Amino acid sequence: MNNKKGDIMKKLSKFIFYFLFLFLTNSFSAPSPEKLRQAILANSNIHRFKGELFTWHAAYNADVFYKGYMTYKDEKWIEEGIKYFDFLESKMEKEPDGYYGWVGPRIEDEKIYGAAIVGDANLISPMLSIAEIIVKDKELYNKYGKKAEEYIKLAKDIIEKWDKRGCWYEQLGYGKYLVQTKFIDPKKPDEWIEMENFQISENLNKSGKMGLICLKLYRILGDKFYRDRAIKIFSYYKSIMRYYQNEDRYVWNFWEPFAPCDMTGIPKHWVSVHPERAGYQAAEVSFFVEAYHTGVVFDQKDIKRFINTNLWMWNKSYDNPQFKSADGKTNAGTLWDSLSDFDETIRKLKQILLEREKGDFAIVEKDYFMNVKCKEPPSFKRKYVIDEKEIIIPDIPIYNGEDISMAVVIPMIFDNWTKISAKLEKDGKLEIYLYSKDGKMIEKIFEDNVKSGFKTIRWDGKNKEGKKYQGEYKIRFVFGNSIREVPIKIGG
């Protein structure tokens, strides 16, 4: 009886805490949206750069108009957002194939120009956030519907544009964007320069940002094309998660090879958690949260594992919260504050960090967090799901995989040869098996003691008698106590 009474009091105290938190911290004087728009435009880098660099600077604080409206319910935030987006659109240029983008010097080589996949996504995303508000409110749509439709068309165009340029690559339910090969000579802006040697799959955060565009388009339009595109992007993310069984948490890399253009004998790019920029994974987790709320790919167990990872990264200090990286190898860690929808500790840490921030942008951020994000106690309720029958969680096997930091088969669909590659965190015996699609072991392909680092073999898809396999299978990697699996298809 005493335990039951104690539980009731505990729940009541939580309710009182949230009520007081919201009441005491509510801002009664919102910053001026016009002033904040002017403050964004005062950033000299917005006027100094073009192309992808322009978009990174222009996207900084561009979500303030969405957060401002959601917090204060004042249409001036929408109006000032539209003015800012008009400015952004004025910086778009027509490309040789008739599409528009934010064209500028390629970051890695300023001699050639072009738009960038992530550049388009950087600036279309805040526009779609405003569009989603407008289309769901009849009165707002009557006033601003034309602008909302304009942003929706821009978003649809960028998906179509990069598809037509051959930058989307998918296989067996997984998908990822590739770096473009079409660039522009500034002296000949109406012609393409083909740079096929530049092609490599995009860093994961860039594909993830395009996945976010697809999620928003699906919620606005109900078009399952965009839902399915997002599912393929985030299913790939989930497939590369390293599961740490003892701590029930996930770790994933900044980049992994996915397409044939990504591999020679070893991957063309480094494979690891980013050792310096913690913001990449924080942004990616926010994409995962959006996918969860939209009802695709991630379930409650996945969200709990992300929470477990971020709390593992934390130094357990409320006075001076610090974070290491998700793999524990560097100090490049940060709070994954998008998880505050689900967890009290994340909320408390976010509140502590917000108290350090000053200025008008910080006021909006605090008010948004306190009055919108914390309007209800943490829960696993999916914000955008109306019918739970619409939730789609693909069957992606999760095993303890902390010692196998990469496991790939490239390509996953092949007739003659494929590359089977792993990155191992220590020395040991690596075994590679062919399994049936339904999980039955067929044969061992490889077994040897190997050093830490990359190990790649070529495989022709044949059994020991030289007979070719046909159909869908799985390649299983076994190393110590770790297992990873990759689906494959042999033959067309």
Protein backbone atom coordinates (compact mmCIF):
# COMPACT_ATOMS: atom_id res chain seq x y z
CA MET A 1 0.00 0.00 0.00
CA ASN A 2 2.81 2.39 0.93
CA ASN A 3 4.59 1.60 -2.36
CA LYS A 4 1.42 2.35 -4.31
CA LYS A 5 0.96 5.64 -2.47
CA GLY A 6 4.59 6.50 -3.12
CA ASP A 7 4.15 5.88 -6.86
CA ILE A 8 1.10 8.15 -6.94
CA MET A 9 2.97 10.93 -5.13
CA LYS A 10 5.92 10.53 -7.48
CA LYS A 11 3.67 10.92 -10.54
CA LEU A 12 1.91 13.88 -8.94
CA SER A 13 5.22 15.60 -8.15
CA LYS A 14 6.27 15.18 -11.79
CA PHE A 15 3.03 16.78 -12.95
CA ILE A 16 3.47 19.69 -10.54
CA PHE A 17 7.10 20.11 -11.68
CA TYR A 18 6.08 20.38 -15.34
CA PHE A 19 3.24 22.76 -14.55
CA LEU A 20 5.48 25.07 -12.54
CA PHE A 21 8.26 24.74 -15.10
CA LEU A 22 6.00 25.87 -17.90
CA PHE A 23 4.33 28.62 -15.84
CA LEU A 24 7.43 30.15 -14.31
CA THR A 25 9.53 30.08 -17.47
CA ASN A 26 6.91 31.34 -19.90
CA SER A 27 8.07 34.49 -21.73
CA PHE A 28 5.46 37.22 -21.75
CA SER A 29 7.38 39.39 -24.19
CA ALA A 30 8.35 37.61 -27.40
CA PRO A 31 11.27 38.93 -29.48
CA SER A 32 10.43 40.76 -32.69
CA PRO A 33 10.36 38.38 -35.70
CA GLU A 34 11.35 41.27 -37.98
CA LYS A 35 14.34 42.03 -35.77
CA LEU A 36 15.44 38.40 -35.88
CA ARG A 37 15.12 38.25 -39.67
CA GLN A 38 17.33 41.31 -39.90
CA ALA A 39 19.78 39.70 -37.48
CA ILE A 40 20.05 36.63 -39.70
CA LEU A 41 20.66 38.83 -42.73
CA ALA A 42 23.34 40.73 -40.80
CA ASN A 43 25.55 37.65 -41.02
CA SER A 44 28.19 38.81 -43.51
CA ASN A 45 28.89 35.25 -44.65
CA ILE A 46 25.42 35.06 -46.20
CA HIS A 47 26.43 37.88 -48.55
CA ARG A 48 30.01 36.69 -48.97
CA PHE A 49 29.50 33.11 -50.15
CA LYS A 50 27.59 31.28 -52.87
CA GLY A 51 26.61 27.67 -53.37
CA GLU A 52 26.77 25.10 -50.60
CA LEU A 53 28.67 27.40 -48.22
CA PHE A 54 25.96 30.02 -48.64
CA THR A 55 23.30 27.48 -47.69
CA TRP A 56 25.06 26.42 -44.48
CA HIS A 57 25.28 30.02 -43.30
CA ALA A 58 21.79 30.92 -44.53
CA ALA A 59 20.26 27.88 -42.79
CA TYR A 60 21.70 28.92 -39.43
CA ASN A 61 18.74 30.12 -37.31
CA ALA A 62 16.35 29.77 -40.28
CA ASP A 63 14.11 27.53 -38.15
CA VAL A 64 13.41 30.45 -35.80
CA PHE A 65 10.31 31.40 -37.82
CA TYR A 66 8.79 27.95 -37.41
CA LYS A 67 9.65 27.84 -33.71
CA GLY A 68 8.44 31.39 -33.19
CA TYR A 69 5.03 30.67 -34.70
CA MET A 70 4.65 27.36 -32.87
CA THR A 71 5.48 29.10 -29.60
CA TYR A 72 3.69 32.44 -29.82
CA LYS A 73 0.99 31.69 -32.45
CA ASP A 74 1.59 35.09 -34.06
CA GLU A 75 1.32 35.24 -37.87
CA LYS A 76 4.12 37.79 -37.99
CA TRP A 77 6.55 34.86 -37.63
CA ILE A 78 5.16 33.33 -40.80
CA GLU A 79 5.25 36.67 -42.61
CA GLU A 80 8.87 37.33 -41.66
CA GLY A 81 9.77 33.76 -42.57
CA ILE A 82 8.27 34.27 -46.01
CA LYS A 83 10.30 37.45 -46.46
CA TYR A 84 13.47 35.58 -45.55
CA PHE A 85 12.62 32.70 -47.85
CA ASP A 86 11.96 35.19 -50.67
CA PHE A 87 15.52 36.38 -50.15
CA LEU A 88 16.80 32.81 -50.29
CA GLU A 89 14.90 32.07 -53.50
CA SER A 90 16.32 35.21 -55.08
CA LYS A 91 19.75 33.60 -54.74
CA MET A 92 18.79 30.51 -56.77
CA GLU A 93 20.18 30.19 -60.28
CA LYS A 94 19.04 28.25 -63.32
CA GLU A 95 21.23 25.23 -64.06
CA PRO A 96 21.95 23.73 -67.51
CA ASP A 97 19.11 21.19 -67.30
CA GLY A 98 16.52 23.84 -66.42
CA TYR A 99 16.28 23.15 -62.70
CA TYR A 100 17.16 25.79 -60.09
CA GLY A 101 19.57 25.57 -57.19
CA TRP A 102 21.98 27.52 -55.02
CA VAL A 103 24.90 27.44 -57.42
CA GLY A 104 28.42 28.24 -56.29
CA PRO A 105 31.99 26.98 -56.02
CA ARG A 106 32.41 23.34 -55.09
CA ILE A 107 33.70 23.35 -51.50
CA GLU A 108 36.47 20.86 -52.26
CA ASP A 109 37.54 22.56 -55.51
CA GLU A 110 36.55 26.17 -56.10
CA LYS A 111 37.47 26.01 -59.81
CA ILE A 112 34.15 24.44 -60.78
CA TYR A 113 30.62 25.38 -59.77
CA GLY A 114 27.38 23.65 -59.01
CA ALA A 115 24.53 23.23 -56.61
CA ALA A 116 24.82 20.57 -53.90
CA ILE A 117 22.33 18.01 -52.65
CA VAL A 118 22.76 19.06 -49.04
CA GLY A 119 22.70 22.73 -50.02
CA ASP A 120 19.24 22.36 -51.49
CA ALA A 121 18.06 20.38 -48.47
CA ASN A 122 19.53 22.91 -46.01
CA LEU A 123 17.23 25.67 -47.21
CA ILE A 124 14.19 23.75 -48.41
CA SER A 125 13.76 22.13 -44.99
CA PRO A 126 12.81 25.30 -43.02
CA MET A 127 10.52 26.33 -45.90
CA LEU A 128 8.68 23.00 -45.65
CA SER A 129 8.30 23.43 -41.89
CA ILE A 130 6.37 26.64 -42.50
CA ALA A 131 4.46 25.07 -45.41
CA GLU A 132 3.35 22.20 -43.16
CA ILE A 133 1.88 24.68 -40.67
CA ILE A 134 0.05 26.59 -43.40
CA VAL A 135 -1.53 23.65 -45.24
CA LYS A 136 -2.96 22.23 -42.00
CA ASP A 137 -4.74 25.47 -41.06
CA LYS A 138 -7.56 26.69 -43.30
CA GLU A 139 -7.25 30.35 -42.26
CA LEU A 140 -3.50 30.38 -42.73
CA TYR A 141 -3.86 28.63 -46.08
CA ASN A 142 -6.29 31.29 -47.28
CA LYS A 143 -3.61 33.91 -46.55
CA TYR A 144 -0.35 32.13 -47.29
CA GLY A 145 -1.32 29.06 -49.30
CA LYS A 146 0.35 30.31 -52.48
CA LYS A 147 3.70 30.49 -50.69
CA ALA A 148 3.22 27.08 -49.10
CA GLU A 149 2.58 25.54 -52.52
CA GLU A 150 5.66 27.32 -53.84
CA TYR A 151 7.85 25.70 -51.16
CA ILE A 152 6.27 22.30 -51.75
CA LYS A 153 7.01 22.55 -55.47
CA LEU A 154 10.61 23.53 -54.75
CA ALA A 155 10.99 20.47 -52.54
CA LYS A 156 9.47 18.15 -55.15
CA ASP A 157 11.73 19.66 -57.78
CA ILE A 158 14.92 19.00 -55.83
CA ILE A 159 13.99 15.35 -55.32
CA GLU A 160 13.28 15.04 -59.04
CA LYS A 161 16.37 17.02 -60.01
CA TRP A 162 18.89 14.85 -58.20
CA ASP A 163 17.13 11.67 -59.32
CA LYS A 164 17.43 12.71 -62.96
CA ARG A 165 21.09 13.51 -62.42
CA GLY A 166 21.74 9.95 -61.25
CA CYS A 167 22.42 10.83 -57.61
CA TRP A 168 19.97 8.40 -56.02
CA TYR A 169 21.18 4.82 -55.51
CA GLU A 170 19.13 2.05 -53.93
CA GLN A 171 19.38 -1.69 -53.46
CA LEU A 172 17.31 -4.26 -51.56
CA GLY A 173 15.26 -1.78 -49.59
CA TYR A 174 18.13 0.57 -48.70
CA GLY A 175 18.95 3.90 -50.34
CA LYS A 176 21.53 6.66 -50.24
CA TYR A 177 22.45 9.76 -52.23
CA LEU A 178 25.62 9.99 -54.30
CA VAL A 179 27.76 13.07 -54.91
CA GLN A 180 26.84 14.58 -58.26
CA THR A 181 29.06 14.32 -61.34
CA LYS A 182 27.60 17.33 -63.18
CA PHE A 183 29.29 20.68 -62.60
CA ILE A 184 29.52 24.05 -64.28
CA ASP A 185 32.37 26.11 -65.67
CA PRO A 186 31.60 29.71 -64.52
CA LYS A 187 32.65 30.90 -67.99
CA LYS A 188 30.14 28.56 -69.66
CA PRO A 189 27.14 28.48 -67.28
CA ASP A 190 24.87 26.78 -69.83
CA GLU A 191 27.00 23.65 -70.16
CA TRP A 192 27.74 20.69 -67.89
CA ILE A 193 31.20 19.49 -67.03
CA GLU A 194 31.08 15.73 -66.37
CA MET A 195 33.30 14.74 -63.44
CA GLU A 196 32.61 11.03 -62.98
CA ASN A 197 35.72 10.58 -60.83
CA PHE A 198 34.10 12.76 -58.16
CA GLN A 199 31.28 10.31 -57.52
CA ILE A 200 31.12 8.75 -54.08
CA SER A 201 28.17 8.20 -51.78
CA GLU A 202 27.30 11.24 -49.69
CA ASN A 203 28.18 11.54 -46.04
CA LEU A 204 25.29 10.06 -44.13
CA ASN A 205 24.11 13.32 -42.62
CA LYS A 206 23.49 14.66 -46.13
CA SER A 207 21.36 11.69 -47.17
CA GLY A 208 19.59 12.01 -43.83
CA LYS A 209 18.72 15.63 -44.51
CA MET A 210 17.16 14.61 -47.82
CA GLY A 211 15.29 11.94 -45.88
CA LEU A 212 13.90 14.73 -43.69
CA ILE A 213 12.65 16.54 -46.82
CA CYS A 214 10.88 13.32 -47.87
CA LEU A 215 9.27 12.90 -44.44
CA LYS A 216 7.88 16.43 -44.55
CA LEU A 217 6.62 16.02 -48.12
CA TYR A 218 4.89 12.79 -47.15
CA ARG A 219 3.19 14.41 -44.17
CA ILE A 220 2.06 17.37 -46.29
CA LEU A 221 1.00 15.51 -49.44
CA GLY A 222 0.29 11.98 -48.27
CA ASP A 223 2.27 10.78 -51.32
CA LYS A 224 3.74 7.37 -50.50
CA PHE A 225 6.59 7.90 -52.96
CA TYR A 226 8.21 10.24 -50.43
CA ARG A 227 7.40 7.97 -47.49
CA ASP A 228 9.03 5.03 -49.29
CA ARG A 229 12.10 7.12 -50.16
CA ALA A 230 12.46 8.09 -46.50
CA ILE A 231 12.04 4.46 -45.44
CA LYS A 232 14.92 3.42 -47.72
CA ILE A 233 17.19 6.17 -46.38
CA PHE A 234 16.51 5.49 -42.71
CA SER A 235 16.46 1.72 -43.16
CA TYR A 236 20.01 2.01 -44.44
CA TYR A 237 20.90 3.99 -41.33
CA LYS A 238 19.37 1.33 -39.10
CA SER A 239 21.17 -1.45 -40.97
CA ILE A 240 24.59 0.02 -40.15
CA MET A 241 23.93 0.55 -36.45
CA ARG A 242 26.51 -1.09 -34.22
CA TYR A 243 24.60 -2.53 -31.32
CA TYR A 244 26.36 -2.63 -27.95
CA GLN A 245 24.42 -5.34 -26.18
CA ASN A 246 25.78 -4.85 -22.65
CA GLU A 247 24.71 -1.20 -22.62
CA ASP A 248 21.71 -1.60 -24.97
CA ARG A 249 22.81 1.27 -27.21
CA TYR A 250 23.68 2.18 -30.80
CA VAL A 251 26.76 3.63 -32.48
CA TRP A 252 27.06 4.44 -36.21
CA ASN A 253 29.65 5.89 -38.56
CA PHE A 254 29.80 9.26 -40.29
CA TRP A 255 30.17 7.47 -43.66
CA GLU A 256 30.19 3.93 -44.96
CA PRO A 257 30.61 2.52 -48.48
CA PHE A 258 27.33 1.62 -50.15
CA ALA A 259 27.67 1.91 -53.93
CA PRO A 260 30.31 0.41 -56.26
CA CYS A 261 31.90 3.86 -56.63
CA ASP A 262 32.79 3.75 -52.91
CA MET A 263 35.24 0.85 -52.95
CA THR A 264 38.61 -0.10 -54.33
CA GLY A 265 40.41 -2.67 -52.19
CA ILE A 266 39.29 -0.64 -49.19
CA PRO A 267 36.71 2.15 -48.82
CA LYS A 268 37.55 5.43 -50.56
CA HIS A 269 36.71 7.45 -47.44
CA TRP A 270 37.41 7.02 -43.74
CA VAL A 271 34.91 4.97 -41.74
CA SER A 272 34.33 6.06 -38.15
CA VAL A 273 32.31 8.22 -35.82
CA HIS A 274 33.30 11.81 -36.62
CA PRO A 275 36.23 12.56 -34.30
CA GLU A 276 35.69 16.33 -34.18
CA ARG A 277 32.18 17.52 -35.08
CA ALA A 278 29.58 16.27 -32.63
CA GLY A 279 26.81 18.19 -34.35
CA TYR A 280 26.56 15.68 -37.19
CA GLN A 281 25.19 12.89 -35.01
CA ALA A 282 22.98 15.29 -33.06
CA ALA A 283 21.40 16.35 -36.37
CA GLU A 284 21.06 12.76 -37.52
CA VAL A 285 19.28 11.78 -34.31
CA SER A 286 16.82 14.62 -34.94
CA PHE A 287 16.11 13.02 -38.35
CA PHE A 288 15.56 9.65 -36.64
CA VAL A 289 13.14 11.31 -34.22
CA GLU A 290 11.22 12.82 -37.16
CA ALA A 291 11.08 9.38 -38.79
CA TYR A 292 9.80 7.86 -35.54
CA HIS A 293 7.11 10.52 -35.16
CA THR A 294 6.09 10.00 -38.80
CA GLY A 295 5.75 6.27 -38.18
CA VAL A 296 8.59 4.79 -40.20
CA VAL A 297 11.65 2.59 -39.56
CA PHE A 298 12.34 3.26 -35.87
CA ASP A 299 10.40 1.82 -32.95
CA GLN A 300 10.36 2.54 -29.23
CA LYS A 301 13.24 0.12 -28.63
CA ASP A 302 15.40 2.05 -31.11
CA ILE A 303 14.62 5.38 -29.45
CA LYS A 304 15.51 3.96 -26.04
CA ARG A 305 18.84 2.81 -27.45
CA PHE A 306 19.61 6.29 -28.78
CA ILE A 307 18.77 7.69 -25.35
CA ASN A 308 21.02 5.11 -23.70
CA THR A 309 23.88 6.10 -26.02
CA ASN A 310 23.57 9.80 -25.31
CA LEU A 311 23.36 9.27 -21.55
CA TRP A 312 26.39 6.97 -21.77
CA MET A 313 28.25 9.81 -23.51
CA TRP A 314 27.38 12.25 -20.68
CA ASN A 315 29.78 12.79 -17.75
CA LYS A 316 26.82 12.54 -15.30
CA SER A 317 27.33 16.10 -14.09
CA TYR A 318 24.42 18.55 -13.98
CA ASP A 319 26.67 21.40 -12.88
CA ASN A 320 28.96 21.09 -15.88
CA PRO A 321 27.53 18.60 -18.39
CA GLN A 322 30.09 17.34 -20.89
CA PHE A 323 29.88 14.63 -23.54
CA LYS A 324 32.31 12.25 -25.23
CA SER A 325 31.76 10.80 -28.70
CA ALA A 326 29.33 7.92 -29.19
CA ASP A 327 32.20 5.44 -29.56
CA GLY A 328 34.07 6.94 -26.59
CA LYS A 329 37.22 7.63 -28.60
CA THR A 330 37.17 11.46 -28.49
CA ASN A 331 35.59 14.35 -26.59
CA ALA A 332 33.49 15.28 -29.65
CA GLY A 333 30.10 14.72 -28.07
CA THR A 334 27.02 16.78 -27.39
CA LEU A 335 23.47 16.50 -26.08
CA TRP A 336 21.04 14.89 -28.53
CA ASP A 337 18.30 17.25 -27.47
CA SER A 338 15.71 16.01 -29.97
CA LEU A 339 15.36 13.02 -27.62
CA SER A 340 13.78 15.35 -25.04
CA ASP A 341 10.42 14.26 -26.47
CA PHE A 342 10.97 10.93 -24.72
CA ASP A 343 13.27 11.31 -21.72
CA GLU A 344 13.26 13.43 -18.55
CA THR A 345 17.02 13.46 -18.10
CA ILE A 346 17.57 14.75 -21.64
CA ARG A 347 15.03 17.48 -20.89
CA LYS A 348 16.76 18.49 -17.70
CA LEU A 349 20.14 18.67 -19.45
CA LYS A 350 18.64 20.71 -22.28
CA GLN A 351 17.17 23.16 -19.76
CA ILE A 352 20.57 23.54 -18.07
CA LEU A 353 22.29 24.22 -21.38
CA LEU A 354 19.60 26.67 -22.48
CA GLU A 355 20.11 28.74 -19.35
CA ARG A 356 23.62 29.51 -20.56
CA GLU A 357 22.37 30.99 -23.84
CA LYS A 358 21.77 34.72 -24.26
CA GLY A 359 20.07 36.93 -26.83
CA ASP A 360 16.79 36.99 -28.73
CA PHE A 361 17.37 33.74 -30.61
CA ALA A 362 18.01 32.03 -27.29
CA ILE A 363 14.75 33.44 -25.90
CA VAL A 364 12.79 31.89 -28.77
CA GLU A 365 14.64 28.60 -28.33
CA LYS A 366 13.90 28.56 -24.60
CA ASP A 367 10.26 29.47 -25.03
CA TYR A 368 9.82 26.88 -27.78
CA PHE A 369 11.42 24.22 -25.63
CA MET A 370 9.43 25.09 -22.54
CA ASN A 371 6.03 25.76 -24.10
CA VAL A 372 6.01 23.42 -27.10
CA LYS A 373 8.48 20.60 -26.54
CA CYS A 374 7.67 20.34 -22.82
CA LYS A 375 3.97 20.97 -23.15
CA GLU A 376 3.40 17.35 -22.16
CA PRO A 377 5.54 15.01 -20.05
CA PRO A 378 7.97 12.76 -21.97
CA SER A 379 6.31 9.87 -23.77
CA PHE A 380 6.73 7.66 -26.83
CA LYS A 381 3.61 8.98 -28.51
CA ARG A 382 4.19 9.47 -32.24
CA LYS A 383 3.27 13.08 -33.04
CA TYR A 384 2.21 12.67 -36.65
CA VAL A 385 0.67 9.19 -36.64
CA ILE A 386 -3.12 9.11 -36.77
CA ASP A 387 -3.65 5.47 -37.72
CA GLU A 388 -1.17 3.04 -36.15
CA LYS A 389 -1.85 0.62 -39.00
CA GLU A 390 0.15 3.01 -41.19
CA ILE A 391 3.34 2.52 -39.12
CA ILE A 392 6.04 0.74 -41.14
CA ILE A 393 8.98 -0.87 -39.30
CA PRO A 394 11.11 -2.91 -41.74
CA ASP A 395 12.59 -6.16 -40.44
CA ILE A 396 16.25 -5.28 -40.01
CA PRO A 397 18.11 -7.76 -37.79
CA ILE A 398 20.06 -6.29 -34.89
CA TYR A 399 22.91 -8.26 -33.29
CA ASN A 400 25.72 -7.38 -30.91
CA GLY A 401 28.17 -5.77 -33.35
CA GLU A 402 30.54 -3.53 -31.41
CA ASP A 403 33.71 -5.30 -32.66
CA ILE A 404 32.66 -5.11 -36.33
CA SER A 405 32.56 -1.39 -37.05
CA MET A 406 31.68 -1.88 -40.73
CA ALA A 407 30.17 -4.81 -42.65
CA VAL A 408 29.34 -4.31 -46.33
CA VAL A 409 28.73 -6.23 -49.54
CA ILE A 410 29.24 -4.10 -52.65
CA PRO A 411 27.24 -4.39 -54.75
CA MET A 412 24.46 -6.15 -52.87
CA ILE A 413 22.90 -7.21 -56.20
CA PHE A 414 25.36 -8.93 -58.56
CA ASP A 415 25.82 -11.56 -61.25
CA ASN A 416 29.54 -12.22 -61.33
CA TRP A 417 31.56 -10.75 -58.47
CA THR A 418 31.03 -8.73 -55.33
CA LYS A 419 33.28 -7.33 -52.61
CA ILE A 420 32.66 -8.45 -49.05
CA SER A 421 34.38 -6.12 -46.62
CA ALA A 422 34.58 -5.56 -42.86
CA LYS A 423 36.32 -3.15 -40.56
CA LEU A 424 37.36 -4.87 -37.32
CA GLU A 425 38.13 -3.21 -34.01
CA LYS A 426 40.70 -5.78 -32.86
CA ASP A 427 42.68 -8.82 -34.00
CA GLY A 428 40.82 -12.13 -34.15
CA LYS A 429 39.15 -14.82 -36.22
CA LEU A 430 36.75 -13.55 -38.87
CA GLU A 431 34.16 -15.90 -40.31
CA ILE A 432 31.88 -15.05 -43.23
CA TYR A 433 28.84 -17.19 -44.02
CA LEU A 434 26.16 -17.40 -46.68
CA TYR A 435 22.70 -17.66 -45.14
CA SER A 436 19.30 -18.15 -46.75
CA LYS A 437 16.90 -15.24 -46.66
CA ASP A 438 14.94 -16.99 -43.90
CA GLY A 439 18.02 -17.47 -41.72
CA LYS A 440 19.40 -20.94 -42.49
CA MET A 441 23.16 -21.38 -42.78
CA ILE A 442 24.19 -22.59 -46.26
CA GLU A 443 27.98 -22.48 -46.27
CA LYS A 444 31.06 -20.80 -44.86
CA ILE A 445 32.66 -18.47 -47.41
CA PHE A 446 35.71 -17.34 -45.44
CA GLU A 447 37.56 -18.08 -42.21
CA ASP A 448 40.91 -16.71 -41.08
CA ASN A 449 42.73 -14.90 -38.30
CA VAL A 450 42.95 -11.25 -39.28
CA LYS A 451 44.39 -8.01 -37.94
CA SER A 452 42.29 -5.06 -36.85
CA GLY A 453 41.28 -2.73 -39.65
CA PHE A 454 39.83 -3.53 -43.06
CA LYS A 455 39.48 -6.99 -44.53
CA THR A 456 38.04 -7.35 -48.05
CA ILE A 457 37.48 -10.46 -50.16
CA ARG A 458 36.04 -10.97 -53.62
CA TRP A 459 33.31 -13.58 -54.02
CA ASP A 460 31.75 -14.94 -57.23
CA GLY A 461 28.48 -16.17 -55.77
CA LYS A 462 29.30 -19.83 -56.40
CA ASN A 463 29.39 -22.84 -54.10
CA LYS A 464 32.46 -25.05 -53.62
CA GLU A 465 31.45 -27.14 -56.65
CA GLY A 466 31.36 -24.04 -58.83
CA LYS A 467 27.58 -23.86 -59.13
CA LYS A 468 26.11 -20.36 -59.12
CA TYR A 469 23.63 -19.43 -56.44
CA GLN A 470 20.48 -17.64 -57.59
CA GLY A 471 18.08 -15.52 -55.55
CA GLU A 472 18.09 -13.58 -52.27
CA TYR A 473 20.41 -14.47 -49.40
CA LYS A 474 22.27 -12.90 -46.49
CA ILE A 475 25.97 -12.57 -45.80
CA ARG A 476 26.73 -13.04 -42.12
CA PHE A 477 29.92 -11.73 -40.50
CA VAL A 478 31.00 -13.39 -37.23
CA PHE A 479 33.87 -11.94 -35.22
CA GLY A 480 34.32 -12.72 -31.54
CA ASN A 481 30.93 -12.18 -29.92
CA SER A 482 29.78 -9.85 -32.71
CA ILE A 483 27.53 -10.58 -35.70
CA ARG A 484 26.53 -8.40 -38.63
CA GLU A 485 24.30 -9.28 -41.59
CA VAL A 486 23.88 -7.81 -45.08
CA PRO A 487 21.16 -8.89 -47.56
CA ILE A 488 22.27 -9.80 -51.10
CA LYS A 489 20.72 -10.89 -54.38
CA ILE A 490 22.57 -13.05 -56.89
CA GLY A 491 21.38 -12.84 -60.48
CA GLY A 492 18.91 -10.43 -62.04
